[in-house]
Amino acid sequence: MSKIIKNILQDVTWLQDLSTILTVFFVIMFIALVVGVLRWKKEKVEEYKNIPLSDNHHDNL
């Protein structure tokens, strides 16, 4: 039984490489998500800035 476990544990270098690749992938995805949300929020803020405060546009004149 211990020989089987020893053989399995010797061949985990690919698992460490996969873990590194997945960690980098998910960090990049998280950064892209944060940047996307911030851009979306900025667009919404600019959109709300252009909305008049009242229905009567002549009040601003």
N, C-alpha and C. Protein backbone atom coordinates (compact mmCIF):
# COMPACT_ATOMS: atom_id res chain seq x y z
N MET A 1 0.82 -1.19 0.00
CA MET A 1 0.00 0.00 0.00
C MET A 1 0.87 1.26 0.00
N SER A 2 1.92 1.24 0.80
CA SER A 2 2.78 2.42 0.87
C SER A 2 3.55 2.64 -0.43
N LYS A 3 3.82 1.56 -1.17
CA LYS A 3 4.50 1.71 -2.46
C LYS A 3 3.60 2.42 -3.47
N ILE A 4 2.33 2.11 -3.42
CA ILE A 4 1.38 2.77 -4.33
C ILE A 4 1.30 4.26 -4.01
N ILE A 5 1.19 4.58 -2.75
CA ILE A 5 1.12 5.99 -2.34
C ILE A 5 2.42 6.71 -2.68
N LYS A 6 3.55 6.03 -2.49
CA LYS A 6 4.85 6.63 -2.82
C LYS A 6 4.94 6.93 -4.32
N ASN A 7 4.47 6.01 -5.15
CA ASN A 7 4.50 6.23 -6.60
C ASN A 7 3.57 7.37 -7.00
N ILE A 8 2.43 7.45 -6.38
CA ILE A 8 1.48 8.54 -6.69
C ILE A 8 2.08 9.88 -6.28
N LEU A 9 2.71 9.95 -5.12
CA LEU A 9 3.27 11.20 -4.63
C LEU A 9 4.49 11.64 -5.42
N GLN A 10 5.20 10.70 -6.04
CA GLN A 10 6.36 11.07 -6.85
C GLN A 10 5.93 11.73 -8.15
N ASP A 11 4.75 11.44 -8.63
CA ASP A 11 4.28 11.94 -9.92
C ASP A 11 3.35 13.14 -9.78
N VAL A 12 3.53 13.96 -8.77
CA VAL A 12 2.64 15.11 -8.60
C VAL A 12 3.24 16.41 -9.12
N THR A 13 4.36 16.35 -9.81
CA THR A 13 4.94 17.59 -10.35
C THR A 13 4.01 18.21 -11.37
N TRP A 14 3.32 17.40 -12.15
CA TRP A 14 2.37 17.94 -13.13
C TRP A 14 1.21 18.63 -12.42
N LEU A 15 0.86 18.11 -11.24
CA LEU A 15 -0.23 18.72 -10.48
C LEU A 15 0.18 20.10 -9.95
N GLN A 16 1.43 20.23 -9.55
CA GLN A 16 1.92 21.54 -9.10
C GLN A 16 1.95 22.53 -10.26
N ASP A 17 2.36 22.06 -11.45
CA ASP A 17 2.36 22.93 -12.63
C ASP A 17 0.94 23.35 -12.98
N LEU A 18 0.02 22.41 -12.92
CA LEU A 18 -1.38 22.71 -13.21
C LEU A 18 -1.93 23.71 -12.19
N SER A 19 -1.57 23.54 -10.95
CA SER A 19 -2.03 24.46 -9.91
C SER A 19 -1.52 25.87 -10.17
N THR A 20 -0.27 25.99 -10.58
CA THR A 20 0.30 27.30 -10.89
C THR A 20 -0.42 27.94 -12.06
N ILE A 21 -0.65 27.17 -13.11
CA ILE A 21 -1.33 27.68 -14.30
C ILE A 21 -2.74 28.12 -13.96
N LEU A 22 -3.46 27.32 -13.19
CA LEU A 22 -4.83 27.68 -12.83
C LEU A 22 -4.87 28.91 -11.92
N THR A 23 -3.91 29.02 -11.02
CA THR A 23 -3.86 30.20 -10.15
C THR A 23 -3.65 31.46 -10.97
N VAL A 24 -2.71 31.42 -11.91
CA VAL A 24 -2.46 32.58 -12.77
C VAL A 24 -3.70 32.89 -13.60
N PHE A 25 -4.34 31.86 -14.14
CA PHE A 25 -5.53 32.05 -14.96
C PHE A 25 -6.64 32.74 -14.17
N PHE A 26 -6.91 32.26 -12.96
CA PHE A 26 -7.99 32.84 -12.17
C PHE A 26 -7.66 34.24 -11.67
N VAL A 27 -6.40 34.53 -11.41
CA VAL A 27 -6.01 35.89 -11.03
C VAL A 27 -6.26 36.84 -12.20
N ILE A 28 -5.89 36.42 -13.41
CA ILE A 28 -6.13 37.25 -14.60
C ILE A 28 -7.62 37.44 -14.82
N MET A 29 -8.41 36.39 -14.66
CA MET A 29 -9.86 36.50 -14.82
C MET A 29 -10.46 37.44 -13.78
N PHE A 30 -9.98 37.38 -12.54
CA PHE A 30 -10.49 38.26 -11.49
C PHE A 30 -10.16 39.72 -11.80
N ILE A 31 -8.94 39.98 -12.26
CA ILE A 31 -8.56 41.35 -12.61
C ILE A 31 -9.41 41.85 -13.76
N ALA A 32 -9.64 41.01 -14.77
CA ALA A 32 -10.48 41.41 -15.91
C ALA A 32 -11.91 41.70 -15.45
N LEU A 33 -12.42 40.92 -14.52
CA LEU A 33 -13.77 41.14 -14.00
C LEU A 33 -13.85 42.47 -13.25
N VAL A 34 -12.87 42.75 -12.41
CA VAL A 34 -12.87 44.00 -11.66
C VAL A 34 -12.78 45.20 -12.60
N VAL A 35 -11.91 45.13 -13.60
CA VAL A 35 -11.78 46.22 -14.57
C VAL A 35 -13.08 46.40 -15.34
N GLY A 36 -13.72 45.31 -15.73
CA GLY A 36 -14.99 45.39 -16.45
C GLY A 36 -16.08 46.03 -15.62
N VAL A 37 -16.17 45.67 -14.36
CA VAL A 37 -17.19 46.25 -13.48
C VAL A 37 -16.92 47.73 -13.26
N LEU A 38 -15.66 48.10 -13.07
CA LEU A 38 -15.34 49.52 -12.87
C LEU A 38 -15.66 50.34 -14.11
N ARG A 39 -15.38 49.81 -15.28
CA ARG A 39 -15.72 50.53 -16.52
C ARG A 39 -17.23 50.67 -16.67
N TRP A 40 -17.95 49.60 -16.36
CA TRP A 40 -19.41 49.62 -16.47
C TRP A 40 -19.99 50.66 -15.52
N LYS A 41 -19.48 50.70 -14.28
CA LYS A 41 -19.96 51.68 -13.31
C LYS A 41 -19.64 53.10 -13.77
N LYS A 42 -18.47 53.30 -14.35
CA LYS A 42 -18.10 54.64 -14.83
C LYS A 42 -19.04 55.08 -15.95
N GLU A 43 -19.39 54.16 -16.85
CA GLU A 43 -20.33 54.49 -17.92
C GLU A 43 -21.70 54.86 -17.35
N LYS A 44 -22.14 54.14 -16.34
CA LYS A 44 -23.43 54.43 -15.71
C LYS A 44 -23.40 55.80 -15.04
N VAL A 45 -22.30 56.15 -14.39
CA VAL A 45 -22.19 57.45 -13.74
C VAL A 45 -22.26 58.56 -14.78
N GLU A 46 -21.55 58.40 -15.89
CA GLU A 46 -21.59 59.41 -16.96
C GLU A 46 -23.00 59.53 -17.53
N GLU A 47 -23.69 58.40 -17.64
CA GLU A 47 -25.06 58.40 -18.16
C GLU A 47 -25.99 59.16 -17.20
N TYR A 48 -25.82 58.94 -15.90
CA TYR A 48 -26.67 59.62 -14.92
C TYR A 48 -26.35 61.11 -14.83
N LYS A 49 -25.13 61.50 -15.13
CA LYS A 49 -24.77 62.92 -15.11
C LYS A 49 -25.52 63.68 -16.19
N ASN A 50 -25.85 63.03 -17.29
CA ASN A 50 -26.52 63.69 -18.41
C ASN A 50 -28.03 63.74 -18.26
N ILE A 51 -28.58 63.10 -17.25
CA ILE A 51 -30.02 63.11 -17.03
C ILE A 51 -30.40 64.42 -16.35
N PRO A 52 -31.39 65.15 -16.89
CA PRO A 52 -31.80 66.40 -16.24
C PRO A 52 -32.44 66.12 -14.88
N LEU A 53 -32.32 67.08 -13.98
CA LEU A 53 -32.84 66.90 -12.62
C LEU A 53 -34.34 67.08 -12.55
N SER A 54 -34.92 67.81 -13.49
CA SER A 54 -36.36 68.03 -13.47
C SER A 54 -36.93 67.73 -14.85
N ASP A 55 -38.25 67.59 -14.90
CA ASP A 55 -38.91 67.32 -16.17
C ASP A 55 -39.00 68.57 -17.04
N ASN A 56 -39.02 69.74 -16.40
CA ASN A 56 -39.14 70.99 -17.12
C ASN A 56 -37.73 71.50 -17.45
N HIS A 57 -37.36 71.46 -18.72
CA HIS A 57 -36.01 71.84 -19.11
C HIS A 57 -35.80 73.35 -19.08
N HIS A 58 -36.87 74.15 -19.01
CA HIS A 58 -36.74 75.60 -19.01
C HIS A 58 -36.30 76.14 -17.66
N ASP A 59 -36.32 75.32 -16.62
CA ASP A 59 -35.89 75.78 -15.30
C ASP A 59 -34.40 76.08 -15.28
N ASN A 60 -33.64 75.45 -16.14
CA ASN A 60 -32.20 75.63 -16.14
C ASN A 60 -31.78 76.92 -16.83
N LEU A 61 -32.67 77.56 -17.59
CA LEU A 61 -32.31 78.77 -18.34
C LEU A 61 -32.31 79.99 -17.48
